[in-house]
C-alpha atoms as a PDB file:
ATOM      1  CA  MET A   1      -6.583  21.292  -6.964  1.00  0.00           C
ATOM      2  CA  ARG A   2      -3.886  19.006  -8.973  1.00  0.00           C
ATOM      3  CA  ILE A   3      -2.112  16.801  -6.437  1.00  0.00           C
ATOM      4  CA  GLY A   4       0.972  14.933  -7.929  1.00  0.00           C
ATOM      5  CA  TYR A   5       2.698  12.113  -6.551  1.00  0.00           C
ATOM      6  CA  ALA A   6       6.758  10.895  -7.357  1.00  0.00           C
ATOM      7  CA  ARG A   7       8.429   8.138  -6.147  1.00  0.00           C
ATOM      8  CA  VAL A   8      11.779   6.031  -7.078  1.00  0.00           C
ATOM      9  CA  SER A   9      12.736   3.141  -5.653  1.00  0.00           C
ATOM     10  CA  THR A  10      16.266   4.194  -4.221  1.00  0.00           C
ATOM     11  CA  VAL A  11      17.911   6.825  -2.772  1.00  0.00           C
ATOM     12  CA  ASP A  12      20.505   7.214  -5.533  1.00  0.00           C
ATOM     13  CA  GLN A  13      17.546   7.584  -8.292  1.00  0.00           C
ATOM     14  CA  SER A  14      16.630  11.261  -9.019  1.00  0.00           C
ATOM     15  CA  LEU A  15      13.519  12.435  -8.847  1.00  0.00           C
ATOM     16  CA  ASP A  16      13.576  15.746 -10.798  1.00  0.00           C
ATOM     17  CA  MET A  17      12.248  14.468 -14.436  1.00  0.00           C
ATOM     18  CA  GLN A  18       8.448  13.022 -12.680  1.00  0.00           C
ATOM     19  CA  ILE A  19       8.554  16.591 -10.727  1.00  0.00           C
ATOM     20  CA  ASP A  20       9.202  18.062 -13.767  1.00  0.00           C
ATOM     21  CA  ALA A  21       6.309  16.607 -15.818  1.00  0.00           C
ATOM     22  CA  LEU A  22       4.000  16.806 -13.155  1.00  0.00           C
ATOM     23  CA  LYS A  23       4.348  20.497 -12.203  1.00  0.00           C
ATOM     24  CA  GLU A  24       4.196  20.887 -16.443  1.00  0.00           C
ATOM     25  CA  ALA A  25       1.114  18.860 -15.785  1.00  0.00           C
ATOM     26  CA  GLY A  26      -0.705  21.913 -13.624  1.00  0.00           C
ATOM     27  CA  CYS A  27      -0.254  19.962 -10.033  1.00  0.00           C
ATOM     28  CA  GLU A  28      -0.270  22.671  -7.324  1.00  0.00           C
ATOM     29  CA  ARG A  29       1.312  19.950  -4.414  1.00  0.00           C
ATOM     30  CA  ILE A  30       3.723  17.727  -5.623  1.00  0.00           C
ATOM     31  CA  TYR A  31       4.674  15.207  -2.836  1.00  0.00           C
ATOM     32  CA  THR A  32       7.834  12.505  -3.161  1.00  0.00           C
ATOM     33  CA  GLU A  33       9.631   9.425  -1.839  1.00  0.00           C
ATOM     34  CA  LYS A  34      12.203   7.316  -2.254  1.00  0.00           C
ATOM     35  CA  GLU A  35      10.885   4.211  -1.195  1.00  0.00           C
ATOM     36  CA  SER A  36      10.279   0.843  -2.867  1.00  0.00           C
ATOM     37  CA  GLY A  37       6.988   0.159  -4.871  1.00  0.00           C
ATOM     38  CA  ALA A  38       6.808  -2.882  -3.294  1.00  0.00           C
ATOM     39  CA  LYS A  39       6.673  -1.634   0.008  1.00  0.00           C
ATOM     40  CA  ASP A  40       3.113  -0.753   1.352  1.00  0.00           C
ATOM     41  CA  ASP A  41       3.999   1.821   4.074  1.00  0.00           C
ATOM     42  CA  ARG A  42       4.648   4.877   1.935  1.00  0.00           C
ATOM     43  CA  PRO A  43       4.119   8.164   4.120  1.00  0.00           C
ATOM     44  CA  GLU A  44       3.808  10.394   1.284  1.00  0.00           C
ATOM     45  CA  LEU A  45       1.469   8.385  -0.609  1.00  0.00           C
ATOM     46  CA  GLU A  46      -0.667   7.974   2.689  1.00  0.00           C
ATOM     47  CA  ARG A  47      -0.331  12.429   3.599  1.00  0.00           C
ATOM     48  CA  ALA A  48      -1.081  12.612  -1.054  1.00  0.00           C
ATOM     49  CA  LEU A  49      -4.274  10.192  -0.569  1.00  0.00           C
ATOM     50  CA  ASP A  50      -5.385  11.862   2.859  1.00  0.00           C
ATOM     51  CA  ASN A  51      -5.195  14.802   1.283  1.00  0.00           C
ATOM     52  CA  LEU A  52      -7.009  14.490  -1.916  1.00  0.00           C
ATOM     53  CA  ARG A  53     -10.798  15.729  -1.403  1.00  0.00           C
ATOM     54  CA  GLU A  54     -14.004  15.996  -4.059  1.00  0.00           C
ATOM     55  CA  GLY A  55     -12.654  17.199  -7.396  1.00  0.00           C
ATOM     56  CA  ASP A  56      -9.406  16.497  -6.675  1.00  0.00           C
ATOM     57  CA  ILE A  57      -7.251  14.862  -9.204  1.00  0.00           C
ATOM     58  CA  LEU A  58      -3.610  13.068  -8.048  1.00  0.00           C
ATOM     59  CA  VAL A  59      -1.439  13.050 -10.993  1.00  0.00           C
ATOM     60  CA  VAL A  60       1.308  10.520 -11.359  1.00  0.00           C
ATOM     61  CA  TYR A  61       4.311  10.214 -14.217  1.00  0.00           C
ATOM     62  CA  LYS A  62       3.400   6.263 -14.277  1.00  0.00           C
ATOM     63  CA  LEU A  63       1.375   3.747 -12.737  1.00  0.00           C
ATOM     64  CA  ASP A  64       4.065   1.783 -11.294  1.00  0.00           C
ATOM     65  CA  ARG A  65       4.421   5.024  -9.438  1.00  0.00           C
ATOM     66  CA  LEU A  66       1.632   4.578  -7.864  1.00  0.00           C
ATOM     67  CA  ALA A  67       1.742   0.723  -6.868  1.00  0.00           C
ATOM     68  CA  ARG A  68       3.526  -2.183  -8.382  1.00  0.00           C
ATOM     69  CA  SER A  69       0.860  -5.109  -8.572  1.00  0.00           C
ATOM     70  CA  THR A  70      -2.654  -4.503 -10.143  1.00  0.00           C
ATOM     71  CA  VAL A  71      -4.322  -5.476  -6.818  1.00  0.00           C
ATOM     72  CA  LYS A  72      -2.841  -2.843  -4.898  1.00  0.00           C
ATOM     73  CA  LEU A  73      -3.061  -0.055  -7.977  1.00  0.00           C
ATOM     74  CA  ILE A  74      -6.608  -1.067  -7.638  1.00  0.00           C
ATOM     75  CA  MET A  75      -6.982  -0.708  -4.144  1.00  0.00           C
ATOM     76  CA  THR A  76      -5.579   2.269  -4.241  1.00  0.00           C
ATOM     77  CA  LEU A  77      -7.580   4.088  -7.726  1.00  0.00           C
ATOM     78  CA  ASP A  78     -10.749   2.826  -5.761  1.00  0.00           C
ATOM     79  CA  GLU A  79      -9.576   4.936  -2.737  1.00  0.00           C
ATOM     80  CA  ILE A  80      -8.965   7.770  -4.890  1.00  0.00           C
ATOM     81  CA  GLN A  81     -12.494   7.282  -6.083  1.00  0.00           C
ATOM     82  CA  LYS A  82     -14.208   6.883  -3.152  1.00  0.00           C
ATOM     83  CA  LYS A  83     -12.969  10.328  -1.970  1.00  0.00           C
ATOM     84  CA  GLY A  84     -14.911  11.790  -5.143  1.00  0.00           C
ATOM     85  CA  ALA A  85     -11.132  12.171  -7.227  1.00  0.00           C
ATOM     86  CA  GLU A  86      -9.989  11.421  -9.934  1.00  0.00           C
ATOM     87  CA  PHE A  87      -6.822  10.411 -11.713  1.00  0.00           C
ATOM     88  CA  VAL A  88      -4.247  10.750 -14.203  1.00  0.00           C
ATOM     89  CA  SER A  89      -1.218   8.812 -15.176  1.00  0.00           C
ATOM     90  CA  LEU A  90       0.836  11.047 -17.681  1.00  0.00           C
ATOM     91  CA  ASN A  91       3.209   8.515 -19.650  1.00  0.00           C
ATOM     92  CA  ASP A  92       0.278   5.865 -19.188  1.00  0.00           C
ATOM     93  CA  LYS A  93      -2.380   8.326 -20.560  1.00  0.00           C
ATOM     94  CA  ILE A  94      -5.033   6.889 -18.242  1.00  0.00           C
ATOM     95  CA  ASP A  95      -7.422  10.033 -17.027  1.00  0.00           C
ATOM     96  CA  THR A  96     -10.425   9.306 -15.069  1.00  0.00           C
ATOM     97  CA  THR A  97     -11.720  12.897 -15.766  1.00  0.00           C
ATOM     98  CA  THR A  98     -12.595  11.239 -19.327  1.00  0.00           C
ATOM     99  CA  ALA A  99     -14.841   8.302 -20.502  1.00  0.00           C
ATOM    100  CA  ALA A 100     -12.125   6.412 -22.204  1.00  0.00           C
ATOM    101  CA  GLY A 101     -10.666   6.847 -18.901  1.00  0.00           C
ATOM    102  CA  LYS A 102     -12.927   5.411 -16.709  1.00  0.00           C
ATOM    103  CA  ALA A 103     -13.653   2.663 -19.147  1.00  0.00           C
ATOM    104  CA  LEU A 104      -9.942   1.587 -18.752  1.00  0.00           C
ATOM    105  CA  PHE A 105     -10.107   1.999 -14.938  1.00  0.00           C
ATOM    106  CA  GLY A 106     -12.972  -0.603 -14.723  1.00  0.00           C
ATOM    107  CA  MET A 107     -10.740  -3.096 -16.981  1.00  0.00           C
ATOM    108  CA  LEU A 108      -8.214  -2.726 -14.749  1.00  0.00           C
ATOM    109  CA  ALA A 109     -10.529  -3.283 -11.874  1.00  0.00           C
ATOM    110  CA  VAL A 110     -11.484  -7.042 -13.386  1.00  0.00           C
ATOM    111  CA  PHE A 111      -8.191  -7.772 -14.509  1.00  0.00           C
ATOM    112  CA  ALA A 112      -6.980  -6.986 -10.897  1.00  0.00           C
ATOM    113  CA  GLU A 113      -9.922  -9.275  -9.417  1.00  0.00           C
ATOM    114  CA  PHE A 114      -9.131 -12.229 -11.782  1.00  0.00           C
ATOM    115  CA  GLU A 115      -5.450 -11.866 -10.628  1.00  0.00           C
ATOM    116  CA  ARG A 116      -7.012 -11.976  -6.584  1.00  0.00           C
ATOM    117  CA  ASN A 117      -9.164 -15.032  -7.760  1.00  0.00           C
ATOM    118  CA  VAL A 118      -6.299 -17.127  -9.565  1.00  0.00           C
ATOM    119  CA  ILE A 119      -3.716 -16.248  -6.231  1.00  0.00           C
ATOM    120  CA  ILE A 120      -6.930 -17.762  -4.017  1.00  0.00           C
ATOM    121  CA  GLU A 121      -7.015 -20.319  -6.142  1.00  0.00           C
ATOM    122  CA  ARG A 122      -3.668 -21.490  -6.048  1.00  0.00           C
ATOM    123  CA  THR A 123      -3.022 -20.714  -2.315  1.00  0.00           C
ATOM    124  CA  LYS A 124      -6.079 -23.002  -1.791  1.00  0.00           C
ATOM    125  CA  ALA A 125      -4.741 -25.792  -4.129  1.00  0.00           C
ATOM    126  CA  GLY A 126      -0.967 -25.313  -2.258  1.00  0.00           C
ATOM    127  CA  LEU A 127      -2.602 -25.635   0.833  1.00  0.00           C
ATOM    128  CA  GLU A 128      -4.665 -29.020   0.196  1.00  0.00           C
ATOM    129  CA  ALA A 129      -1.744 -30.455  -1.305  1.00  0.00           C
ATOM    130  CA  ALA A 130       0.498 -29.903   1.950  1.00  0.00           C
ATOM    131  CA  ARG A 131      -2.019 -30.984   4.257  1.00  0.00           C
ATOM    132  CA  ALA A 132      -2.702 -34.369   2.075  1.00  0.00           C
ATOM    133  CA  ARG A 133       1.281 -34.827   2.786  1.00  0.00           C
ATOM    134  CA  GLY A 134       0.649 -34.280   7.091  1.00  0.00           C
ATOM    135  CA  ARG A 135       1.673 -30.546   6.408  1.00  0.00           C
ATOM    136  CA  VAL A 136       0.028 -28.152   8.684  1.00  0.00           C
ATOM    137  CA  GLY A 137      -0.177 -24.559   7.482  1.00  0.00           C
ATOM    138  CA  GLY A 138       0.158 -20.881   8.715  1.00  0.00           C
ATOM    139  CA  ARG A 139       2.774 -18.829  10.366  1.00  0.00           C
ATOM    140  CA  PRO A 140       4.227 -20.151  13.610  1.00  0.00           C
ATOM    141  CA  LYS A 141       2.297 -19.293  16.599  1.00  0.00           C
ATOM    142  CA  THR A 142       4.183 -16.545  18.866  1.00  0.00           C
ATOM    143  CA  ASP A 143       5.222 -17.606  22.489  1.00  0.00           C
ATOM    144  CA  GLN A 144       2.758 -15.758  24.562  1.00  0.00           C
ATOM    145  CA  LYS A 145       5.360 -15.324  27.328  1.00  0.00           C
ATOM    146  CA  LYS A 146       7.057 -13.179  24.604  1.00  0.00           C
ATOM    147  CA  ILE A 147       3.737 -11.378  23.760  1.00  0.00           C
ATOM    148  CA  GLU A 148       3.328 -10.663  27.611  1.00  0.00           C
ATOM    149  CA  LYS A 149       6.783  -9.239  27.849  1.00  0.00           C
ATOM    150  CA  ALA A 150       6.327  -7.556  24.769  1.00  0.00           C
ATOM    151  CA  ILE A 151       3.131  -5.558  26.616  1.00  0.00           C
ATOM    152  CA  LYS A 152       5.294  -4.380  29.478  1.00  0.00           C
ATOM    153  CA  LEU A 153       7.591  -3.096  27.818  1.00  0.00           C
ATOM    154  CA  TYR A 154       5.065  -1.250  25.761  1.00  0.00           C
ATOM    155  CA  ASP A 155       3.224   0.094  28.439  1.00  0.00           C
ATOM    156  CA  THR A 156       6.743   0.796  30.254  1.00  0.00           C
ATOM    157  CA  GLN A 157       6.584   4.083  27.392  1.00  0.00           C
ATOM    158  CA  GLN A 158      10.351   3.692  27.431  1.00  0.00           C
ATOM    159  CA  TYR A 159      10.907   1.614  24.287  1.00  0.00           C
ATOM    160  CA  THR A 160       9.261   2.515  20.481  1.00  0.00           C
ATOM    161  CA  VAL A 161       7.463  -0.131  18.915  1.00  0.00           C
ATOM    162  CA  SER A 162      10.677  -1.162  16.955  1.00  0.00           C
ATOM    163  CA  GLU A 163      12.935  -1.476  19.773  1.00  0.00           C
ATOM    164  CA  ILE A 164      10.537  -3.943  21.637  1.00  0.00           C
ATOM    165  CA  THR A 165       9.980  -6.045  18.246  1.00  0.00           C
ATOM    166  CA  GLU A 166      13.617  -6.121  17.860  1.00  0.00           C
ATOM    167  CA  MET A 167      13.874  -7.032  21.646  1.00  0.00           C
ATOM    168  CA  THR A 168      11.425  -9.862  22.464  1.00  0.00           C
ATOM    169  CA  GLY A 169      11.003 -11.019  18.920  1.00  0.00           C
ATOM    170  CA  VAL A 170       7.559 -10.481  18.891  1.00  0.00           C
ATOM    171  CA  THR A 171       6.372  -8.673  15.095  1.00  0.00           C
ATOM    172  CA  LYS A 172       4.661  -4.915  15.027  1.00  0.00           C
ATOM    173  CA  ALA A 173       1.343  -6.294  14.072  1.00  0.00           C
ATOM    174  CA  THR A 174       1.426  -9.230  16.892  1.00  0.00           C
ATOM    175  CA  LEU A 175       2.528  -6.358  19.679  1.00  0.00           C
ATOM    176  CA  TYR A 176      -0.703  -4.476  18.360  1.00  0.00           C
ATOM    177  CA  ARG A 177      -3.125  -7.168  18.326  1.00  0.00           C
ATOM    178  CA  ALA A 178      -2.586  -8.184  21.606  1.00  0.00           C
ATOM    179  CA  LEU A 179      -2.874  -4.715  22.811  1.00  0.00           C
ATOM    180  CA  LYS A 180      -6.042  -4.101  21.273  1.00  0.00           C
ATOM    181  CA  GLU A 181      -7.375  -7.308  22.258  1.00  0.00           C
ATOM    182  CA  ARG A 182      -6.209  -6.572  26.004  1.00  0.00           C
ATOM    183  CA  GLN A 183      -8.538  -3.251  25.248  1.00  0.00           C
ATOM    184  CA  ALA A 184     -11.523  -5.625  24.175  1.00  0.00           C
END
């Protein structure tokens, strides 16, 4: 099955051109959303990926509709490949069902790994320079009392996680991590 994914960054933009191209490319199912590509939380993309089965093909109009960074793109393409599915970007002429498309995918993976390594090197150098000047890196620790309050609010089941984070200032990630630690 050919599954399409179309995305625009704002509510004001139209998906029509992408949807028309995906239909013309033979997509039987099309997932759409109006979310920034910089956001990692894109429910319709997740649904499209979850519904991919071996032999399916995920089709997008352009690569930047799928991901904004090379690293995120490679991670997504790797997920598609692990499911035994293929990938097609109509406008970029990338088709992993062909030998040339698989080769291009391999080159993208090399560049993504290079980009990741450069970022790691820069981060390490920046942290070392900061330590040399007496600075300590990392995020500030969340007050344990705030975390305990967030857990108590969570246990009441009267509030959503978003409401709890707003009331306490504890991030979702910190709350979920604390809940996981409590279960262990």
